[in-house]
Amino acid sequence: ATTNCSVCVASEGKAIGIKEQNTPKYSH
């Protein structure tokens, strides 16, 4: 939704894999 391109894989509500990057320019 914003400049932060963020992905999280969660198991039972807890993050087990995360990849994100917040840049001024949208890189989605």
PDB file of all heavy atoms in Angstrom:
ATOM      1  N   ALA A   1       0.803  -1.227   0.000  1.00  0.00           N
ATOM      2  CA  ALA A   1       0.000   0.000   0.000  1.00  0.00           C
ATOM      3  C   ALA A   1       0.832   1.272   0.000  1.00  0.00           C
ATOM      4  O   ALA A   1       0.331   2.342  -0.351  1.00  0.00           O
ATOM      5  CB  ALA A   1      -0.937   0.009   1.201  1.00  0.00           C
ATOM      6  N   THR A   2       2.114   1.173   0.418  1.00  0.00           N
ATOM      7  CA  THR A   2       2.980   2.352   0.467  1.00  0.00           C
ATOM      8  C   THR A   2       4.302   2.027  -0.212  1.00  0.00           C
ATOM      9  O   THR A   2       4.394   1.072  -0.980  1.00  0.00           O
ATOM     10  CB  THR A   2       3.232   2.800   1.918  1.00  0.00           C
ATOM     11  OG1 THR A   2       3.992   1.784   2.603  1.00  0.00           O
ATOM     12  CG2 THR A   2       1.918   3.026   2.654  1.00  0.00           C
ATOM     13  N   THR A   3       5.335   2.797   0.073  1.00  0.00           N
ATOM     14  CA  THR A   3       6.641   2.564  -0.544  1.00  0.00           C
ATOM     15  C   THR A   3       7.309   1.290  -0.049  1.00  0.00           C
ATOM     16  O   THR A   3       8.285   0.839  -0.641  1.00  0.00           O
ATOM     17  CB  THR A   3       7.580   3.754  -0.261  1.00  0.00           C
ATOM     18  OG1 THR A   3       7.622   3.986   1.152  1.00  0.00           O
ATOM     19  CG2 THR A   3       7.090   5.010  -0.965  1.00  0.00           C
ATOM     20  N   ASN A   4       6.814   0.711   1.034  1.00  0.00           N
ATOM     21  CA  ASN A   4       7.403  -0.512   1.585  1.00  0.00           C
ATOM     22  C   ASN A   4       6.834  -1.733   0.869  1.00  0.00           C
ATOM     23  O   ASN A   4       5.668  -2.076   1.029  1.00  0.00           O
ATOM     24  CB  ASN A   4       7.121  -0.624   3.083  1.00  0.00           C
ATOM     25  CG  ASN A   4       7.931  -1.724   3.742  1.00  0.00           C
ATOM     26  OD1 ASN A   4       9.036  -2.021   3.304  1.00  0.00           O
ATOM     27  ND2 ASN A   4       7.402  -2.318   4.800  1.00  0.00           N
ATOM     28  N   CYS A   5       7.680  -2.382   0.087  1.00  0.00           N
ATOM     29  CA  CYS A   5       7.292  -3.642  -0.560  1.00  0.00           C
ATOM     30  C   CYS A   5       7.631  -4.752   0.428  1.00  0.00           C
ATOM     31  O   CYS A   5       8.799  -5.018   0.694  1.00  0.00           O
ATOM     32  CB  CYS A   5       8.056  -3.833  -1.868  1.00  0.00           C
ATOM     33  SG  CYS A   5       7.561  -5.298  -2.802  1.00  0.00           S
ATOM     34  N   SER A   6       6.596  -5.370   1.005  1.00  0.00           N
ATOM     35  CA  SER A   6       6.807  -6.246   2.159  1.00  0.00           C
ATOM     36  C   SER A   6       6.073  -7.571   1.990  1.00  0.00           C
ATOM     37  O   SER A   6       4.891  -7.600   1.639  1.00  0.00           O
ATOM     38  CB  SER A   6       6.332  -5.532   3.427  1.00  0.00           C
ATOM     39  OG  SER A   6       6.499  -6.333   4.565  1.00  0.00           O
ATOM     40  N   VAL A   7       6.787  -8.659   2.261  1.00  0.00           N
ATOM     41  CA  VAL A   7       6.235 -10.017   2.147  1.00  0.00           C
ATOM     42  C   VAL A   7       6.596 -10.797   3.398  1.00  0.00           C
ATOM     43  O   VAL A   7       7.731 -10.749   3.877  1.00  0.00           O
ATOM     44  CB  VAL A   7       6.801 -10.754   0.910  1.00  0.00           C
ATOM     45  CG1 VAL A   7       6.269 -12.186   0.849  1.00  0.00           C
ATOM     46  CG2 VAL A   7       6.454 -10.002  -0.366  1.00  0.00           C
ATOM     47  N   CYS A   8       5.628 -11.516   3.938  1.00  0.00           N
ATOM     48  CA  CYS A   8       5.863 -12.329   5.129  1.00  0.00           C
ATOM     49  C   CYS A   8       5.129 -13.658   4.999  1.00  0.00           C
ATOM     50  O   CYS A   8       3.930 -13.691   4.719  1.00  0.00           O
ATOM     51  CB  CYS A   8       5.383 -11.583   6.378  1.00  0.00           C
ATOM     52  SG  CYS A   8       5.330 -12.592   7.875  1.00  0.00           S
ATOM     53  N   VAL A   9       5.847 -14.750   5.205  1.00  0.00           N
ATOM     54  CA  VAL A   9       5.239 -16.075   5.312  1.00  0.00           C
ATOM     55  C   VAL A   9       5.076 -16.356   6.796  1.00  0.00           C
ATOM     56  O   VAL A   9       6.032 -16.228   7.570  1.00  0.00           O
ATOM     57  CB  VAL A   9       6.114 -17.166   4.657  1.00  0.00           C
ATOM     58  CG1 VAL A   9       5.467 -18.539   4.836  1.00  0.00           C
ATOM     59  CG2 VAL A   9       6.321 -16.859   3.183  1.00  0.00           C
ATOM     60  N   ALA A  10       3.856 -16.708   7.212  1.00  0.00           N
ATOM     61  CA  ALA A  10       3.578 -16.922   8.626  1.00  0.00           C
ATOM     62  C   ALA A  10       2.989 -18.306   8.867  1.00  0.00           C
ATOM     63  O   ALA A  10       2.198 -18.805   8.067  1.00  0.00           O
ATOM     64  CB  ALA A  10       2.628 -15.855   9.155  1.00  0.00           C
ATOM     65  N   SER A  11       3.379 -18.888   9.982  1.00  0.00           N
ATOM     66  CA  SER A  11       2.829 -20.174  10.423  1.00  0.00           C
ATOM     67  C   SER A  11       2.134 -19.946  11.755  1.00  0.00           C
ATOM     68  O   SER A  11       2.766 -19.500  12.712  1.00  0.00           O
ATOM     69  CB  SER A  11       3.944 -21.213  10.573  1.00  0.00           C
ATOM     70  OG  SER A  11       3.443 -22.407  11.146  1.00  0.00           O
ATOM     71  N   GLU A  12       0.847 -20.213  11.803  1.00  0.00           N
ATOM     72  CA  GLU A  12       0.056 -20.004  13.014  1.00  0.00           C
ATOM     73  C   GLU A  12       0.215 -18.588  13.557  1.00  0.00           C
ATOM     74  O   GLU A  12       0.312 -18.366  14.759  1.00  0.00           O
ATOM     75  CB  GLU A  12       0.436 -21.030  14.082  1.00  0.00           C
ATOM     76  CG  GLU A  12       0.097 -22.464  13.715  1.00  0.00           C
ATOM     77  CD  GLU A  12      -1.394 -22.675  13.495  1.00  0.00           C
ATOM     78  OE1 GLU A  12      -2.183 -22.300  14.374  1.00  0.00           O
ATOM     79  OE2 GLU A  12      -1.763 -23.201  12.426  1.00  0.00           O
ATOM     80  N   GLY A  13       0.277 -17.615  12.650  1.00  0.00           N
ATOM     81  CA  GLY A  13       0.327 -16.222  13.049  1.00  0.00           C
ATOM     82  C   GLY A  13       1.698 -15.682  13.384  1.00  0.00           C
ATOM     83  O   GLY A  13       1.823 -14.522  13.788  1.00  0.00           O
ATOM     84  N   LYS A  14       2.743 -16.479  13.194  1.00  0.00           N
ATOM     85  CA  LYS A  14       4.111 -16.038  13.499  1.00  0.00           C
ATOM     86  C   LYS A  14       4.967 -16.073  12.238  1.00  0.00           C
ATOM     87  O   LYS A  14       4.948 -17.050  11.489  1.00  0.00           O
ATOM     88  CB  LYS A  14       4.725 -16.924  14.587  1.00  0.00           C
ATOM     89  CG  LYS A  14       3.995 -16.835  15.923  1.00  0.00           C
ATOM     90  CD  LYS A  14       4.680 -17.691  16.980  1.00  0.00           C
ATOM     91  CE  LYS A  14       3.957 -17.576  18.323  1.00  0.00           C
ATOM     92  NZ  LYS A  14       4.595 -18.420  19.366  1.00  0.00           N
ATOM     93  N   ALA A  15       5.723 -14.997  12.028  1.00  0.00           N
ATOM     94  CA  ALA A  15       6.539 -14.874  10.824  1.00  0.00           C
ATOM     95  C   ALA A  15       7.656 -15.905  10.799  1.00  0.00           C
ATOM     96  O   ALA A  15       8.391 -16.052  11.775  1.00  0.00           O
ATOM     97  CB  ALA A  15       7.123 -13.470  10.738  1.00  0.00           C
ATOM     98  N   ILE A  16       7.795 -16.604   9.677  1.00  0.00           N
ATOM     99  CA  ILE A  16       8.886 -17.568   9.520  1.00  0.00           C
ATOM    100  C   ILE A  16       9.727 -17.270   8.278  1.00  0.00           C
ATOM    101  O   ILE A  16      10.759 -17.893   8.055  1.00  0.00           O
ATOM    102  CB  ILE A  16       8.363 -19.017   9.469  1.00  0.00           C
ATOM    103  CG1 ILE A  16       7.361 -19.195   8.335  1.00  0.00           C
ATOM    104  CG2 ILE A  16       7.746 -19.412  10.803  1.00  0.00           C
ATOM    105  CD1 ILE A  16       6.915 -20.635   8.137  1.00  0.00           C
ATOM    106  N   GLY A  17       9.268 -16.306   7.486  1.00  0.00           N
ATOM    107  CA  GLY A  17      10.019 -15.884   6.310  1.00  0.00           C
ATOM    108  C   GLY A  17       9.643 -14.466   5.960  1.00  0.00           C
ATOM    109  O   GLY A  17       8.457 -14.165   5.803  1.00  0.00           O
ATOM    110  N   ILE A  18      10.621 -13.559   5.876  1.00  0.00           N
ATOM    111  CA  ILE A  18      10.334 -12.141   5.674  1.00  0.00           C
ATOM    112  C   ILE A  18      11.264 -11.576   4.604  1.00  0.00           C
ATOM    113  O   ILE A  18      12.473 -11.845   4.603  1.00  0.00           O
ATOM    114  CB  ILE A  18      10.539 -11.326   6.966  1.00  0.00           C
ATOM    115  CG1 ILE A  18       9.700 -11.892   8.106  1.00  0.00           C
ATOM    116  CG2 ILE A  18      10.210  -9.857   6.730  1.00  0.00           C
ATOM    117  CD1 ILE A  18      10.107 -11.359   9.464  1.00  0.00           C
ATOM    118  N   LYS A  19      10.699 -10.786   3.724  1.00  0.00           N
ATOM    119  CA  LYS A  19      11.499 -10.027   2.775  1.00  0.00           C
ATOM    120  C   LYS A  19      10.787  -8.719   2.500  1.00  0.00           C
ATOM    121  O   LYS A  19       9.627  -8.702   2.065  1.00  0.00           O
ATOM    122  CB  LYS A  19      11.675 -10.810   1.459  1.00  0.00           C
ATOM    123  CG  LYS A  19      12.532 -10.093   0.421  1.00  0.00           C
ATOM    124  CD  LYS A  19      13.961  -9.875   0.914  1.00  0.00           C
ATOM    125  CE  LYS A  19      14.806  -9.164  -0.129  1.00  0.00           C
ATOM    126  NZ  LYS A  19      16.187  -8.882   0.364  1.00  0.00           N
ATOM    127  N   GLU A  20      11.444  -7.593   2.776  1.00  0.00           N
ATOM    128  CA  GLU A  20      10.836  -6.296   2.528  1.00  0.00           C
ATOM    129  C   GLU A  20      11.892  -5.242   2.255  1.00  0.00           C
ATOM    130  O   GLU A  20      13.039  -5.370   2.685  1.00  0.00           O
ATOM    131  CB  GLU A  20       9.938  -5.871   3.689  1.00  0.00           C
ATOM    132  CG  GLU A  20      10.630  -5.702   5.018  1.00  0.00           C
ATOM    133  CD  GLU A  20       9.650  -5.334   6.137  1.00  0.00           C
ATOM    134  OE1 GLU A  20       8.447  -5.117   5.862  1.00  0.00           O
ATOM    135  OE2 GLU A  20      10.089  -5.266   7.292  1.00  0.00           O
ATOM    136  N   GLN A  21      11.475  -4.200   1.560  1.00  0.00           N
ATOM    137  CA  GLN A  21      12.378  -3.091   1.254  1.00  0.00           C
ATOM    138  C   GLN A  21      11.553  -1.827   1.105  1.00  0.00           C
ATOM    139  O   GLN A  21      10.591  -1.774   0.333  1.00  0.00           O
ATOM    140  CB  GLN A  21      13.154  -3.368  -0.031  1.00  0.00           C
ATOM    141  CG  GLN A  21      14.173  -2.289  -0.369  1.00  0.00           C
ATOM    142  CD  GLN A  21      14.941  -2.612  -1.636  1.00  0.00           C
ATOM    143  OE1 GLN A  21      14.372  -3.017  -2.640  1.00  0.00           O
ATOM    144  NE2 GLN A  21      16.253  -2.452  -1.585  1.00  0.00           N
ATOM    145  N   ASN A  22      11.925  -0.807   1.859  1.00  0.00           N
ATOM    146  CA  ASN A  22      11.237   0.481   1.791  1.00  0.00           C
ATOM    147  C   ASN A  22      12.121   1.477   1.058  1.00  0.00           C
ATOM    148  O   ASN A  22      13.182   1.854   1.549  1.00  0.00           O
ATOM    149  CB  ASN A  22      10.916   0.980   3.204  1.00  0.00           C
ATOM    150  CG  ASN A  22      10.080   2.238   3.197  1.00  0.00           C
ATOM    151  OD1 ASN A  22       9.366   2.506   2.229  1.00  0.00           O
ATOM    152  ND2 ASN A  22      10.163   3.019   4.260  1.00  0.00           N
ATOM    153  N   THR A  23      11.697   1.873  -0.111  1.00  0.00           N
ATOM    154  CA  THR A  23      12.463   2.823  -0.911  1.00  0.00           C
ATOM    155  C   THR A  23      11.567   3.984  -1.312  1.00  0.00           C
ATOM    156  O   THR A  23      10.349   3.818  -1.447  1.00  0.00           O
ATOM    157  CB  THR A  23      13.017   2.154  -2.187  1.00  0.00           C
ATOM    158  OG1 THR A  23      11.916   1.646  -2.954  1.00  0.00           O
ATOM    159  CG2 THR A  23      13.969   1.023  -1.846  1.00  0.00           C
ATOM    160  N   PRO A  24      12.130   5.178  -1.507  1.00  0.00           N
ATOM    161  CA  PRO A  24      11.317   6.334  -1.895  1.00  0.00           C
ATOM    162  C   PRO A  24      10.537   6.093  -3.178  1.00  0.00           C
ATOM    163  O   PRO A  24       9.421   6.570  -3.342  1.00  0.00           O
ATOM    164  CB  PRO A  24      12.355   7.453  -2.070  1.00  0.00           C
ATOM    165  CG  PRO A  24      13.509   7.033  -1.217  1.00  0.00           C
ATOM    166  CD  PRO A  24      13.547   5.542  -1.312  1.00  0.00           C
ATOM    167  N   LYS A  25      11.147   5.354  -4.105  1.00  0.00           N
ATOM    168  CA  LYS A  25      10.465   5.038  -5.359  1.00  0.00           C
ATOM    169  C   LYS A  25       9.821   3.649  -5.231  1.00  0.00           C
ATOM    170  O   LYS A  25      10.421   2.715  -4.720  1.00  0.00           O
ATOM    171  CB  LYS A  25      11.458   5.041  -6.523  1.00  0.00           C
ATOM    172  CG  LYS A  25      12.054   6.411  -6.814  1.00  0.00           C
ATOM    173  CD  LYS A  25      12.971   6.366  -8.018  1.00  0.00           C
ATOM    174  CE  LYS A  25      13.541   7.746  -8.327  1.00  0.00           C
ATOM    175  NZ  LYS A  25      14.450   7.717  -9.502  1.00  0.00           N
ATOM    176  N   TYR A  26       8.601   3.544  -5.689  1.00  0.00           N
ATOM    177  CA  TYR A  26       7.885   2.270  -5.624  1.00  0.00           C
ATOM    178  C   TYR A  26       8.595   1.230  -6.494  1.00  0.00           C
ATOM    179  O   TYR A  26       8.850   1.459  -7.671  1.00  0.00           O
ATOM    180  CB  TYR A  26       6.440   2.446  -6.098  1.00  0.00           C
ATOM    181  CG  TYR A  26       5.575   3.195  -5.116  1.00  0.00           C
ATOM    182  CD1 TYR A  26       5.543   4.588  -5.120  1.00  0.00           C
ATOM    183  CD2 TYR A  26       4.809   2.526  -4.185  1.00  0.00           C
ATOM    184  CE1 TYR A  26       4.755   5.292  -4.211  1.00  0.00           C
ATOM    185  CE2 TYR A  26       4.012   3.213  -3.274  1.00  0.00           C
ATOM    186  CZ  TYR A  26       3.995   4.586  -3.303  1.00  0.00           C
ATOM    187  OH  TYR A  26       3.221   5.275  -2.404  1.00  0.00           O
ATOM    188  N   SER A  27       8.914   0.085  -5.880  1.00  0.00           N
ATOM    189  CA  SER A  27       9.599  -0.983  -6.612  1.00  0.00           C
ATOM    190  C   SER A  27       8.752  -2.246  -6.671  1.00  0.00           C
ATOM    191  O   SER A  27       9.247  -3.317  -6.997  1.00  0.00           O
ATOM    192  CB  SER A  27      10.935  -1.307  -5.917  1.00  0.00           C
ATOM    193  OG  SER A  27      10.709  -1.747  -4.577  1.00  0.00           O
ATOM    194  N   HIS A  28       7.462  -2.118  -6.378  1.00  0.00           N
ATOM    195  CA  HIS A  28       6.620  -3.305  -6.245  1.00  0.00           C
ATOM    196  C   HIS A  28       6.537  -4.126  -7.533  1.00  0.00           C
ATOM    197  O   HIS A  28       6.564  -5.358  -7.490  1.00  0.00           O
ATOM    198  CB  HIS A  28       5.212  -2.899  -5.821  1.00  0.00           C
ATOM    199  CG  HIS A  28       5.185  -2.058  -4.584  1.00  0.00           C
ATOM    200  ND1 HIS A  28       6.248  -1.932  -3.727  1.00  0.00           N
ATOM    201  CD2 HIS A  28       4.205  -1.281  -4.066  1.00  0.00           C
ATOM    202  CE1 HIS A  28       5.924  -1.127  -2.732  1.00  0.00           C
ATOM    203  NE2 HIS A  28       4.685  -0.711  -2.917  1.00  0.00           N
TER     204      HIS A  28
END
